[in-house]
Amino acid sequence: MNALKNNDWHLPRFAEVLCGTMTDRERLGLPEHYVQARLDAEIEQAVSSLLSSCVWDLLCKLQSPHSTLAQRIAAGNLLALAGDPRIRLDQPDMVCINQAEVFIGLPEIEVDEVMQNFEGLGLNRVWIEKECPRHPVHLAAYKLARYPVTNAEYKVFLMETGFNEIPTSWDFRRYPLERANHPVYTVSAKAADAYAVWLSQRTGRSFRLPTEAEWEWAAGGPDYFEFPWGKDFDADKANTAETGLFNSTPVGVFTTGKSPFGLADMAGNVEEYVSDNYQAYPGGQHVADHLVDIHGQYRVARGGSFARFRDLARTRRRHGHNPKSATYAMGFRLAETF
């Protein structure tokens, strides 16, 4: 059920969003007065009941199909403090994806349907037209990380390299231990690239960011799903604004929202840079939208986030960082060349 409707929140006035006259709170559809998110009380109760659990019991609770979303989030947050065994810096959990001849992008005939299905979210038609045309791509075999890169992993990168880009989501530039297993966000594409190079040198492996086509295929799979799990959006399967959390969550807690290849968080939590700069697809038209006006050339991001609505969580949606808004949660996940 839509969290915004449950709490009588309003969708933002998108004309004002584009003009830059709205507050970040209004951009998220939140009222100026405090409203408790729909899962807050359940998460607090779940934390209390799990406080005495050992690491492996917490992990079982997080991964169990019988746990509620609130219980999985609570277990994940406690694992952040206890030490999450899923987070392995030098051996990230990588999923093998076989070579394939695939189709990427949206058929032009479906643009109207997308605009109708997401009416009320302030979409500009050209944002969807950037996804056109649907075109064939050959993908060599590759690996993609099951989870986005986390705060814990990014911390080691900063300490070993002295790289000077501390995420602005780290309050007062201090490492958030309580979010160790949450995806790192508010980083640049340059930082994401640097992390991949560093981990490659550290491990002797070939880490990098995925291409757009690799990311989209891994998210939608052979049935070309609209969302990683299927056609219809479900606020309990991805951490987007509709879910009502308005904060990052431990990686992998949305167990029912995995992609066909078993990849987590590809439809929410944080947006993910890929390796490509924006350009028109073969046979398509270059769209000079607001991101081109801001950046000129910009790095494409995929997957939506806790701070954006469900339209950005579509597997074919192409977007990027808008520095004019503080509510863009930019992160990344790793790919690996065989």
C-alpha atoms as a PDB file:
ATOM      1  CA  MET A   1       0.000   0.000   0.000  1.00  0.00           C
ATOM      2  CA  ASN A   2       1.229   3.487  -0.823  1.00  0.00           C
ATOM      3  CA  ALA A   3       2.917   4.994   2.230  1.00  0.00           C
ATOM      4  CA  LEU A   4       2.175   8.517   1.058  1.00  0.00           C
ATOM      5  CA  LYS A   5      -1.561   7.872   0.954  1.00  0.00           C
ATOM      6  CA  ASN A   6      -1.495   6.165   4.324  1.00  0.00           C
ATOM      7  CA  ASN A   7      -0.046   9.248   5.964  1.00  0.00           C
ATOM      8  CA  ASP A   8      -1.965  11.788   3.904  1.00  0.00           C
ATOM      9  CA  TRP A   9       1.276  13.131   2.482  1.00  0.00           C
ATOM     10  CA  HIS A  10       1.175  14.957  -0.808  1.00  0.00           C
ATOM     11  CA  LEU A  11       3.124  14.447  -3.993  1.00  0.00           C
ATOM     12  CA  PRO A  12       5.429  17.383  -4.679  1.00  0.00           C
ATOM     13  CA  ARG A  13       4.456  20.189  -7.006  1.00  0.00           C
ATOM     14  CA  PHE A  14       6.816  19.320  -9.824  1.00  0.00           C
ATOM     15  CA  ALA A  15       6.720  22.676 -11.574  1.00  0.00           C
ATOM     16  CA  GLU A  16       8.195  24.130  -8.391  1.00  0.00           C
ATOM     17  CA  VAL A  17      10.708  21.276  -8.160  1.00  0.00           C
ATOM     18  CA  LEU A  18      12.081  22.119 -11.595  1.00  0.00           C
ATOM     19  CA  CYS A  19      12.179  25.820 -10.755  1.00  0.00           C
ATOM     20  CA  GLY A  20      14.101  25.095  -7.558  1.00  0.00           C
ATOM     21  CA  THR A  21      11.630  26.843  -5.244  1.00  0.00           C
ATOM     22  CA  MET A  22      10.728  23.829  -3.104  1.00  0.00           C
ATOM     23  CA  THR A  23      12.424  22.597   0.039  1.00  0.00           C
ATOM     24  CA  ASP A  24      13.982  19.129   0.042  1.00  0.00           C
ATOM     25  CA  ARG A  25      11.264  18.032   2.458  1.00  0.00           C
ATOM     26  CA  GLU A  26       8.605  19.104  -0.024  1.00  0.00           C
ATOM     27  CA  ARG A  27      10.475  17.351  -2.841  1.00  0.00           C
ATOM     28  CA  LEU A  28      10.109  14.107  -0.911  1.00  0.00           C
ATOM     29  CA  GLY A  29       6.378  14.625  -0.520  1.00  0.00           C
ATOM     30  CA  LEU A  30       6.645  15.230   3.231  1.00  0.00           C
ATOM     31  CA  PRO A  31       4.666  17.821   5.194  1.00  0.00           C
ATOM     32  CA  GLU A  32       6.494  20.478   7.177  1.00  0.00           C
ATOM     33  CA  HIS A  33       5.343  18.926  10.461  1.00  0.00           C
ATOM     34  CA  TYR A  34       6.735  15.597  11.655  1.00  0.00           C
ATOM     35  CA  VAL A  35       4.878  12.486  10.496  1.00  0.00           C
ATOM     36  CA  GLN A  36       6.039   9.050  11.604  1.00  0.00           C
ATOM     37  CA  ALA A  37       6.854   6.764   8.699  1.00  0.00           C
ATOM     38  CA  ARG A  38       4.612   3.741   8.386  1.00  0.00           C
ATOM     39  CA  LEU A  39       7.315   1.251   9.443  1.00  0.00           C
ATOM     40  CA  ASP A  40       8.969   3.239  12.247  1.00  0.00           C
ATOM     41  CA  ALA A  41       7.011   1.708  15.116  1.00  0.00           C
ATOM     42  CA  GLU A  42       7.346  -1.816  13.712  1.00  0.00           C
ATOM     43  CA  ILE A  43      11.106  -1.422  13.263  1.00  0.00           C
ATOM     44  CA  GLU A  44      11.540  -0.100  16.803  1.00  0.00           C
ATOM     45  CA  GLN A  45       9.577  -3.061  18.171  1.00  0.00           C
ATOM     46  CA  ALA A  46      11.596  -5.500  16.062  1.00  0.00           C
ATOM     47  CA  VAL A  47      14.886  -4.014  17.270  1.00  0.00           C
ATOM     48  CA  SER A  48      13.826  -4.511  20.878  1.00  0.00           C
ATOM     49  CA  SER A  49      12.951  -8.140  20.273  1.00  0.00           C
ATOM     50  CA  LEU A  50      16.223  -8.868  18.431  1.00  0.00           C
ATOM     51  CA  LEU A  51      18.708  -7.096  20.704  1.00  0.00           C
ATOM     52  CA  SER A  52      19.955 -10.298  22.343  1.00  0.00           C
ATOM     53  CA  SER A  53      20.307 -12.203  19.050  1.00  0.00           C
ATOM     54  CA  CYS A  54      23.690 -13.421  17.818  1.00  0.00           C
ATOM     55  CA  VAL A  55      25.063 -12.467  14.399  1.00  0.00           C
ATOM     56  CA  TRP A  56      23.910 -15.658  12.702  1.00  0.00           C
ATOM     57  CA  ASP A  57      20.393 -15.404  14.125  1.00  0.00           C
ATOM     58  CA  LEU A  58      20.216 -11.830  12.831  1.00  0.00           C
ATOM     59  CA  LEU A  59      21.390 -12.981   9.430  1.00  0.00           C
ATOM     60  CA  CYS A  60      18.753 -15.731   9.364  1.00  0.00           C
ATOM     61  CA  LYS A  61      16.076 -13.221  10.314  1.00  0.00           C
ATOM     62  CA  LEU A  62      17.203 -10.863   7.541  1.00  0.00           C
ATOM     63  CA  GLN A  63      17.187 -13.582   4.893  1.00  0.00           C
ATOM     64  CA  SER A  64      14.072 -15.482   5.959  1.00  0.00           C
ATOM     65  CA  PRO A  65      11.026 -15.250   3.665  1.00  0.00           C
ATOM     66  CA  HIS A  66       8.898 -15.481   6.813  1.00  0.00           C
ATOM     67  CA  SER A  67      10.279 -12.257   8.322  1.00  0.00           C
ATOM     68  CA  THR A  68       8.407  -9.018   7.863  1.00  0.00           C
ATOM     69  CA  LEU A  69      10.100  -6.090   6.138  1.00  0.00           C
ATOM     70  CA  ALA A  70      10.385  -4.297   9.476  1.00  0.00           C
ATOM     71  CA  GLN A  71      12.075  -7.341  11.036  1.00  0.00           C
ATOM     72  CA  ARG A  72      14.548  -7.603   8.157  1.00  0.00           C
ATOM     73  CA  ILE A  73      15.438  -3.915   8.404  1.00  0.00           C
ATOM     74  CA  ALA A  74      15.856  -4.191  12.178  1.00  0.00           C
ATOM     75  CA  ALA A  75      18.053  -7.275  11.841  1.00  0.00           C
ATOM     76  CA  GLY A  76      20.141  -5.548   9.187  1.00  0.00           C
ATOM     77  CA  ASN A  77      20.623  -2.443  11.296  1.00  0.00           C
ATOM     78  CA  LEU A  78      21.771  -4.549  14.244  1.00  0.00           C
ATOM     79  CA  LEU A  79      24.153  -6.442  11.950  1.00  0.00           C
ATOM     80  CA  ALA A  80      25.708  -3.108  11.028  1.00  0.00           C
ATOM     81  CA  LEU A  81      26.836  -2.759  14.628  1.00  0.00           C
ATOM     82  CA  ALA A  82      27.637  -6.424  15.253  1.00  0.00           C
ATOM     83  CA  GLY A  83      29.541  -7.007  12.013  1.00  0.00           C
ATOM     84  CA  ASP A  84      27.736  -8.145   8.873  1.00  0.00           C
ATOM     85  CA  PRO A  85      29.315 -11.348   7.498  1.00  0.00           C
ATOM     86  CA  ARG A  86      27.904 -10.614   4.035  1.00  0.00           C
ATOM     87  CA  ILE A  87      30.244  -7.633   3.628  1.00  0.00           C
ATOM     88  CA  ARG A  88      33.577  -8.974   2.419  1.00  0.00           C
ATOM     89  CA  LEU A  89      35.852  -6.230   1.162  1.00  0.00           C
ATOM     90  CA  ASP A  90      38.296  -8.321  -0.872  1.00  0.00           C
ATOM     91  CA  GLN A  91      35.761 -10.963  -1.872  1.00  0.00           C
ATOM     92  CA  PRO A  92      32.512  -9.166  -2.666  1.00  0.00           C
ATOM     93  CA  ASP A  93      29.585 -11.444  -3.497  1.00  0.00           C
ATOM     94  CA  MET A  94      29.638 -11.455  -7.306  1.00  0.00           C
ATOM     95  CA  VAL A  95      26.969 -13.037  -9.517  1.00  0.00           C
ATOM     96  CA  CYS A  96      28.041 -14.591 -12.820  1.00  0.00           C
ATOM     97  CA  ILE A  97      25.989 -13.541 -15.836  1.00  0.00           C
ATOM     98  CA  ASN A  98      26.529 -15.476 -19.050  1.00  0.00           C
ATOM     99  CA  GLN A  99      27.151 -13.913 -22.416  1.00  0.00           C
ATOM    100  CA  ALA A 100      23.957 -13.147 -24.279  1.00  0.00           C
ATOM    101  CA  GLU A 101      22.394 -11.361 -27.206  1.00  0.00           C
ATOM    102  CA  VAL A 102      19.937  -9.012 -25.533  1.00  0.00           C
ATOM    103  CA  PHE A 103      17.691  -6.058 -26.234  1.00  0.00           C
ATOM    104  CA  ILE A 104      18.183  -2.834 -24.319  1.00  0.00           C
ATOM    105  CA  GLY A 105      15.891   0.167 -24.130  1.00  0.00           C
ATOM    106  CA  LEU A 106      12.219   0.934 -24.620  1.00  0.00           C
ATOM    107  CA  PRO A 107      10.224   0.490 -27.840  1.00  0.00           C
ATOM    108  CA  GLU A 108       8.939   3.898 -28.993  1.00  0.00           C
ATOM    109  CA  ILE A 109       5.409   2.515 -29.056  1.00  0.00           C
ATOM    110  CA  GLU A 110       5.507   2.089 -25.248  1.00  0.00           C
ATOM    111  CA  VAL A 111       6.346   5.706 -24.353  1.00  0.00           C
ATOM    112  CA  ASP A 112       2.665   6.672 -24.074  1.00  0.00           C
ATOM    113  CA  GLU A 113       1.980   3.713 -21.793  1.00  0.00           C
ATOM    114  CA  VAL A 114       4.827   4.666 -19.458  1.00  0.00           C
ATOM    115  CA  MET A 115       3.630   8.267 -19.307  1.00  0.00           C
ATOM    116  CA  GLN A 116       0.114   7.083 -18.466  1.00  0.00           C
ATOM    117  CA  ASN A 117       1.230   4.523 -15.878  1.00  0.00           C
ATOM    118  CA  PHE A 118       3.321   7.099 -14.015  1.00  0.00           C
ATOM    119  CA  GLU A 119       0.978  10.036 -14.376  1.00  0.00           C
ATOM    120  CA  GLY A 120       1.121  12.408 -11.442  1.00  0.00           C
ATOM    121  CA  LEU A 121       4.866  12.089 -10.874  1.00  0.00           C
ATOM    122  CA  GLY A 122       5.735  15.088 -13.016  1.00  0.00           C
ATOM    123  CA  LEU A 123       7.498  13.167 -15.777  1.00  0.00           C
ATOM    124  CA  ASN A 124       8.777  15.042 -18.785  1.00  0.00           C
ATOM    125  CA  ARG A 125       8.147  12.983 -21.905  1.00  0.00           C
ATOM    126  CA  VAL A 126      11.702  13.426 -23.160  1.00  0.00           C
ATOM    127  CA  TRP A 127      13.033  11.703 -20.038  1.00  0.00           C
ATOM    128  CA  ILE A 128      11.279   8.541 -21.199  1.00  0.00           C
ATOM    129  CA  GLU A 129      12.195   9.076 -24.838  1.00  0.00           C
ATOM    130  CA  LYS A 130      15.851   8.855 -23.762  1.00  0.00           C
ATOM    131  CA  GLU A 131      15.200   5.128 -23.297  1.00  0.00           C
ATOM    132  CA  CYS A 132      14.373   4.662 -26.990  1.00  0.00           C
ATOM    133  CA  PRO A 133      14.821   2.870 -29.246  1.00  0.00           C
ATOM    134  CA  ARG A 134      14.961  -0.754 -28.171  1.00  0.00           C
ATOM    135  CA  HIS A 135      18.116  -2.124 -29.765  1.00  0.00           C
ATOM    136  CA  PRO A 136      20.208  -5.309 -29.762  1.00  0.00           C
ATOM    137  CA  VAL A 137      23.415  -5.542 -27.742  1.00  0.00           C
ATOM    138  CA  HIS A 138      25.917  -8.373 -27.438  1.00  0.00           C
ATOM    139  CA  LEU A 139      27.072  -8.852 -23.862  1.00  0.00           C
ATOM    140  CA  ALA A 140      30.162 -10.861 -23.054  1.00  0.00           C
ATOM    141  CA  ALA A 141      30.053 -12.835 -19.811  1.00  0.00           C
ATOM    142  CA  TYR A 142      30.576 -10.679 -16.740  1.00  0.00           C
ATOM    143  CA  LYS A 143      30.020 -10.584 -13.004  1.00  0.00           C
ATOM    144  CA  LEU A 144      27.932  -8.080 -11.084  1.00  0.00           C
ATOM    145  CA  ALA A 145      27.972  -7.502  -7.343  1.00  0.00           C
ATOM    146  CA  ARG A 146      24.950  -8.794  -5.477  1.00  0.00           C
ATOM    147  CA  TYR A 147      24.939  -5.633  -3.351  1.00  0.00           C
ATOM    148  CA  PRO A 148      25.951  -2.011  -3.820  1.00  0.00           C
ATOM    149  CA  VAL A 149      29.235  -0.928  -2.219  1.00  0.00           C
ATOM    150  CA  THR A 150      28.658  -0.172   1.459  1.00  0.00           C
ATOM    151  CA  ASN A 151      29.844   2.494   3.870  1.00  0.00           C
ATOM    152  CA  ALA A 152      32.122  -0.040   5.577  1.00  0.00           C
ATOM    153  CA  GLU A 153      33.900  -0.873   2.337  1.00  0.00           C
ATOM    154  CA  TYR A 154      34.192   2.748   1.262  1.00  0.00           C
ATOM    155  CA  LYS A 155      35.734   3.638   4.630  1.00  0.00           C
ATOM    156  CA  VAL A 156      38.657   1.243   4.028  1.00  0.00           C
ATOM    157  CA  PHE A 157      39.156   2.813   0.594  1.00  0.00           C
ATOM    158  CA  LEU A 158      39.369   6.284   2.127  1.00  0.00           C
ATOM    159  CA  MET A 159      41.766   5.200   4.857  1.00  0.00           C
ATOM    160  CA  GLU A 160      44.134   3.351   2.538  1.00  0.00           C
ATOM    161  CA  THR A 161      44.199   5.870  -0.309  1.00  0.00           C
ATOM    162  CA  GLY A 162      43.670   9.237   1.340  1.00  0.00           C
ATOM    163  CA  PHE A 163      41.088   9.971  -1.363  1.00  0.00           C
ATOM    164  CA  ASN A 164      39.539  13.284  -0.408  1.00  0.00           C
ATOM    165  CA  GLU A 165      35.886  12.657  -1.229  1.00  0.00           C
ATOM    166  CA  ILE A 166      34.092  11.954   2.039  1.00  0.00           C
ATOM    167  CA  PRO A 167      30.382  11.298   1.431  1.00  0.00           C
ATOM    168  CA  THR A 168      28.225  14.250   2.437  1.00  0.00           C
ATOM    169  CA  SER A 169      25.773  11.705   3.854  1.00  0.00           C
ATOM    170  CA  TRP A 170      28.373  11.065   6.588  1.00  0.00           C
ATOM    171  CA  ASP A 171      27.302  13.698   9.102  1.00  0.00           C
ATOM    172  CA  PHE A 172      30.179  15.942  10.183  1.00  0.00           C
ATOM    173  CA  ARG A 173      32.406  13.856   7.858  1.00  0.00           C
ATOM    174  CA  ARG A 174      32.423  11.014  10.389  1.00  0.00           C
ATOM    175  CA  TYR A 175      31.990   7.343   9.504  1.00  0.00           C
ATOM    176  CA  PRO A 176      28.450   6.153  10.349  1.00  0.00           C
ATOM    177  CA  LEU A 177      29.075   2.829  12.108  1.00  0.00           C
ATOM    178  CA  GLU A 178      25.337   2.343  12.560  1.00  0.00           C
ATOM    179  CA  ARG A 179      25.060   2.301   8.750  1.00  0.00           C
ATOM    180  CA  ALA A 180      28.117   0.173   8.040  1.00  0.00           C
ATOM    181  CA  ASN A 181      26.161  -2.252   5.834  1.00  0.00           C
ATOM    182  CA  HIS A 182      24.071   0.421   4.128  1.00  0.00           C
ATOM    183  CA  PRO A 183      25.118   1.463   0.620  1.00  0.00           C
ATOM    184  CA  VAL A 184      27.504   4.376   0.523  1.00  0.00           C
ATOM    185  CA  TYR A 185      25.898   7.387  -1.172  1.00  0.00           C
ATOM    186  CA  THR A 186      26.491  11.030  -2.016  1.00  0.00           C
ATOM    187  CA  VAL A 187      29.649  10.132  -3.879  1.00  0.00           C
ATOM    188  CA  SER A 188      30.687  11.136  -7.379  1.00  0.00           C
ATOM    189  CA  ALA A 189      31.250   8.999 -10.457  1.00  0.00           C
ATOM    190  CA  LYS A 190      34.948   9.874 -10.107  1.00  0.00           C
ATOM    191  CA  ALA A 191      34.973   8.381  -6.600  1.00  0.00           C
ATOM    192  CA  ALA A 192      33.170   5.248  -7.798  1.00  0.00           C
ATOM    193  CA  ASP A 193      35.729   4.762 -10.575  1.00  0.00           C
ATOM    194  CA  ALA A 194      38.588   5.335  -8.133  1.00  0.00           C
ATOM    195  CA  TYR A 195      37.180   2.739  -5.739  1.00  0.00           C
ATOM    196  CA  ALA A 196      37.006   0.126  -8.509  1.00  0.00           C
ATOM    197  CA  VAL A 197      40.608   0.833  -9.555  1.00  0.00           C
ATOM    198  CA  TRP A 198      41.811   0.628  -5.932  1.00  0.00           C
ATOM    199  CA  LEU A 199      40.050  -2.674  -5.224  1.00  0.00           C
ATOM    200  CA  SER A 200      41.380  -4.116  -8.480  1.00  0.00           C
ATOM    201  CA  GLN A 201      44.934  -3.231  -7.486  1.00  0.00           C
ATOM    202  CA  ARG A 202      44.394  -4.512  -3.948  1.00  0.00           C
ATOM    203  CA  THR A 203      43.011  -7.894  -5.055  1.00  0.00           C
ATOM    204  CA  GLY A 204      44.593  -8.451  -8.461  1.00  0.00           C
ATOM    205  CA  ARG A 205      41.127  -8.715  -9.997  1.00  0.00           C
ATOM    206  CA  SER A 206      39.395  -6.649 -12.711  1.00  0.00           C
ATOM    207  CA  PHE A 207      36.704  -4.632 -10.964  1.00  0.00           C
ATOM    208  CA  ARG A 208      34.945  -1.756 -12.688  1.00  0.00           C
ATOM    209  CA  LEU A 209      31.518  -0.169 -12.951  1.00  0.00           C
ATOM    210  CA  PRO A 210      28.982  -1.950 -15.158  1.00  0.00           C
ATOM    211  CA  THR A 211      27.973  -0.591 -18.519  1.00  0.00           C
ATOM    212  CA  GLU A 212      24.411   0.632 -18.963  1.00  0.00           C
ATOM    213  CA  ALA A 213      23.539  -2.459 -20.961  1.00  0.00           C
ATOM    214  CA  GLU A 214      25.051  -4.811 -18.370  1.00  0.00           C
ATOM    215  CA  TRP A 215      23.170  -3.071 -15.573  1.00  0.00           C
ATOM    216  CA  GLU A 216      19.823  -3.091 -17.412  1.00  0.00           C
ATOM    217  CA  TRP A 217      20.068  -6.734 -18.439  1.00  0.00           C
ATOM    218  CA  ALA A 218      20.956  -7.768 -14.898  1.00  0.00           C
ATOM    219  CA  ALA A 219      18.031  -5.774 -13.513  1.00  0.00           C
ATOM    220  CA  GLY A 220      15.292  -6.817 -15.936  1.00  0.00           C
ATOM    221  CA  GLY A 221      16.448 -10.230 -17.098  1.00  0.00           C
ATOM    222  CA  PRO A 222      15.259 -12.298 -20.061  1.00  0.00           C
ATOM    223  CA  ASP A 223      11.619 -11.308 -19.509  1.00  0.00           C
ATOM    224  CA  TYR A 224      12.577  -7.605 -19.690  1.00  0.00           C
ATOM    225  CA  PHE A 225      10.743  -6.765 -16.478  1.00  0.00           C
ATOM    226  CA  GLU A 226       9.601  -3.216 -15.798  1.00  0.00           C
ATOM    227  CA  PHE A 227      10.907  -3.629 -12.245  1.00  0.00           C
ATOM    228  CA  PRO A 228      13.413  -6.265 -11.161  1.00  0.00           C
ATOM    229  CA  TRP A 229      10.640  -8.518  -9.827  1.00  0.00           C
ATOM    230  CA  GLY A 230       8.024  -8.004 -12.562  1.00  0.00           C
ATOM    231  CA  LYS A 231       5.637  -5.555 -14.191  1.00  0.00           C
ATOM    232  CA  ASP A 232       3.874  -3.955 -11.225  1.00  0.00           C
ATOM    233  CA  PHE A 233       5.429  -1.709  -8.611  1.00  0.00           C
ATOM    234  CA  ASP A 234       5.313  -2.830  -4.970  1.00  0.00           C
ATOM    235  CA  ALA A 235       6.496  -0.494  -2.187  1.00  0.00           C
ATOM    236  CA  ASP A 236       7.461  -3.498  -0.040  1.00  0.00           C
ATOM    237  CA  LYS A 237       9.943  -4.727  -2.665  1.00  0.00           C
ATOM    238  CA  ALA A 238      12.144  -1.651  -3.003  1.00  0.00           C
ATOM    239  CA  ASN A 239      13.245   1.297  -0.894  1.00  0.00           C
ATOM    240  CA  THR A 240      11.757   4.238  -2.806  1.00  0.00           C
ATOM    241  CA  ALA A 241       9.830   7.296  -1.647  1.00  0.00           C
ATOM    242  CA  GLU A 242       6.614   5.277  -1.817  1.00  0.00           C
ATOM    243  CA  THR A 243       7.962   2.934   0.859  1.00  0.00           C
ATOM    244  CA  GLY A 244       8.085   5.882   3.232  1.00  0.00           C
ATOM    245  CA  LEU A 245      11.440   5.223   4.917  1.00  0.00           C
ATOM    246  CA  PHE A 246      13.304   8.218   3.474  1.00  0.00           C
ATOM    247  CA  ASN A 247      16.613   6.751   4.518  1.00  0.00           C
ATOM    248  CA  SER A 248      18.970   4.085   3.242  1.00  0.00           C
ATOM    249  CA  THR A 249      18.529   0.507   4.419  1.00  0.00           C
ATOM    250  CA  PRO A 250      20.963  -2.367   4.945  1.00  0.00           C
ATOM    251  CA  VAL A 251      21.773  -4.033   1.643  1.00  0.00           C
ATOM    252  CA  GLY A 252      19.583  -6.970   0.713  1.00  0.00           C
ATOM    253  CA  VAL A 253      16.712  -6.507   3.165  1.00  0.00           C
ATOM    254  CA  PHE A 254      14.134  -6.254   0.354  1.00  0.00           C
ATOM    255  CA  THR A 255      14.377  -9.987  -0.288  1.00  0.00           C
ATOM    256  CA  THR A 256      11.270 -10.164  -2.494  1.00  0.00           C
ATOM    257  CA  GLY A 257      12.591  -7.442  -4.793  1.00  0.00           C
ATOM    258  CA  LYS A 258      15.595  -9.288  -6.199  1.00  0.00           C
ATOM    259  CA  SER A 259      16.270  -9.231  -9.922  1.00  0.00           C
ATOM    260  CA  PRO A 260      15.959 -12.402 -12.056  1.00  0.00           C
ATOM    261  CA  PHE A 261      19.702 -12.965 -11.457  1.00  0.00           C
ATOM    262  CA  GLY A 262      19.335 -12.682  -7.683  1.00  0.00           C
ATOM    263  CA  LEU A 263      20.748  -9.161  -7.402  1.00  0.00           C
ATOM    264  CA  ALA A 264      19.546  -6.971  -4.531  1.00  0.00           C
ATOM    265  CA  ASP A 265      18.566  -3.308  -4.365  1.00  0.00           C
ATOM    266  CA  MET A 266      18.449  -2.664  -8.091  1.00  0.00           C
ATOM    267  CA  ALA A 267      15.175  -0.759  -7.829  1.00  0.00           C
ATOM    268  CA  GLY A 268      15.823   1.470  -4.852  1.00  0.00           C
ATOM    269  CA  ASN A 269      17.940   2.246  -1.808  1.00  0.00           C
ATOM    270  CA  VAL A 270      20.548   4.317  -3.679  1.00  0.00           C
ATOM    271  CA  GLU A 271      21.009   5.296  -7.301  1.00  0.00           C
ATOM    272  CA  GLU A 272      23.902   3.609  -9.043  1.00  0.00           C
ATOM    273  CA  TYR A 273      26.420   5.101 -11.425  1.00  0.00           C
ATOM    274  CA  VAL A 274      27.327   3.040 -14.463  1.00  0.00           C
ATOM    275  CA  SER A 275      30.429   3.459 -16.612  1.00  0.00           C
ATOM    276  CA  ASP A 276      28.728   5.249 -19.526  1.00  0.00           C
ATOM    277  CA  ASN A 277      28.265   8.931 -20.091  1.00  0.00           C
ATOM    278  CA  TYR A 278      24.875   9.826 -21.512  1.00  0.00           C
ATOM    279  CA  GLN A 279      24.499   9.607 -25.250  1.00  0.00           C
ATOM    280  CA  ALA A 280      21.617   8.704 -27.529  1.00  0.00           C
ATOM    281  CA  TYR A 281      21.052   5.028 -28.186  1.00  0.00           C
ATOM    282  CA  PRO A 282      21.791   3.825 -31.748  1.00  0.00           C
ATOM    283  CA  GLY A 283      19.071   5.240 -33.974  1.00  0.00           C
ATOM    284  CA  GLY A 284      17.736   7.487 -31.225  1.00  0.00           C
ATOM    285  CA  GLN A 285      17.718  11.233 -30.744  1.00  0.00           C
ATOM    286  CA  HIS A 286      19.995  13.066 -28.324  1.00  0.00           C
ATOM    287  CA  VAL A 287      17.853  14.584 -25.568  1.00  0.00           C
ATOM    288  CA  ALA A 288      19.254  17.859 -24.227  1.00  0.00           C
ATOM    289  CA  ASP A 289      17.266  17.918 -20.999  1.00  0.00           C
ATOM    290  CA  HIS A 290      17.979  19.679 -17.694  1.00  0.00           C
ATOM    291  CA  LEU A 291      20.885  17.328 -16.900  1.00  0.00           C
ATOM    292  CA  VAL A 292      22.609  18.295 -20.133  1.00  0.00           C
ATOM    293  CA  ASP A 293      21.973  21.953 -19.290  1.00  0.00           C
ATOM    294  CA  ILE A 294      23.592  21.444 -15.870  1.00  0.00           C
ATOM    295  CA  HIS A 295      26.518  19.204 -16.763  1.00  0.00           C
ATOM    296  CA  GLY A 296      27.011  19.239 -20.492  1.00  0.00           C
ATOM    297  CA  GLN A 297      28.254  15.648 -20.418  1.00  0.00           C
ATOM    298  CA  TYR A 298      27.142  13.541 -17.468  1.00  0.00           C
ATOM    299  CA  ARG A 299      27.461  10.008 -16.119  1.00  0.00           C
ATOM    300  CA  VAL A 300      24.338   7.879 -16.332  1.00  0.00           C
ATOM    301  CA  ALA A 301      22.791   6.523 -13.127  1.00  0.00           C
ATOM    302  CA  ARG A 302      20.304   3.703 -12.760  1.00  0.00           C
ATOM    303  CA  GLY A 303      17.938   2.187 -10.254  1.00  0.00           C
ATOM    304  CA  GLY A 304      16.179   4.867  -8.194  1.00  0.00           C
ATOM    305  CA  SER A 305      16.605   5.523  -4.478  1.00  0.00           C
ATOM    306  CA  PHE A 306      14.912   6.017  -1.131  1.00  0.00           C
ATOM    307  CA  ALA A 307      14.627   9.723  -1.974  1.00  0.00           C
ATOM    308  CA  ARG A 308      12.956   9.413  -5.395  1.00  0.00           C
ATOM    309  CA  PHE A 309       9.669   8.029  -6.646  1.00  0.00           C
ATOM    310  CA  ARG A 310       9.029   4.729  -8.386  1.00  0.00           C
ATOM    311  CA  ASP A 311       9.527   5.999 -11.953  1.00  0.00           C
ATOM    312  CA  LEU A 312      13.307   6.097 -11.410  1.00  0.00           C
ATOM    313  CA  ALA A 313      13.206   2.482 -10.200  1.00  0.00           C
ATOM    314  CA  ARG A 314      12.188   1.205 -13.639  1.00  0.00           C
ATOM    315  CA  THR A 315      14.847  -1.063 -15.113  1.00  0.00           C
ATOM    316  CA  ARG A 316      15.105   0.967 -18.340  1.00  0.00           C
ATOM    317  CA  ARG A 317      15.092   4.451 -16.852  1.00  0.00           C
ATOM    318  CA  ARG A 318      18.192   6.537 -17.668  1.00  0.00           C
ATOM    319  CA  HIS A 319      18.991   9.443 -15.383  1.00  0.00           C
ATOM    320  CA  GLY A 320      21.866  11.093 -13.534  1.00  0.00           C
ATOM    321  CA  HIS A 321      22.939  13.325 -10.671  1.00  0.00           C
ATOM    322  CA  ASN A 322      21.169  16.655 -10.230  1.00  0.00           C
ATOM    323  CA  PRO A 323      23.434  18.788  -7.989  1.00  0.00           C
ATOM    324  CA  LYS A 324      20.645  21.330  -7.511  1.00  0.00           C
ATOM    325  CA  SER A 325      18.866  18.952  -5.145  1.00  0.00           C
ATOM    326  CA  ALA A 326      20.270  17.493  -1.925  1.00  0.00           C
ATOM    327  CA  THR A 327      17.934  14.507  -2.208  1.00  0.00           C
ATOM    328  CA  TYR A 328      19.918  12.608  -4.838  1.00  0.00           C
ATOM    329  CA  ALA A 329      21.438   9.521  -3.202  1.00  0.00           C
ATOM    330  CA  MET A 330      24.202   8.540  -5.623  1.00  0.00           C
ATOM    331  CA  GLY A 331      26.022   5.246  -5.029  1.00  0.00           C
ATOM    332  CA  PHE A 332      27.405   2.385  -7.113  1.00  0.00           C
ATOM    333  CA  ARG A 333      27.966  -1.358  -7.400  1.00  0.00           C
ATOM    334  CA  LEU A 334      30.860  -3.229  -8.943  1.00  0.00           C
ATOM    335  CA  ALA A 335      31.125  -5.288 -12.074  1.00  0.00           C
ATOM    336  CA  GLU A 336      33.976  -7.620 -12.902  1.00  0.00           C
ATOM    337  CA  THR A 337      35.434  -8.776 -16.183  1.00  0.00           C
ATOM    338  CA  PHE A 338      36.162 -12.468 -16.492  1.00  0.00           C
END
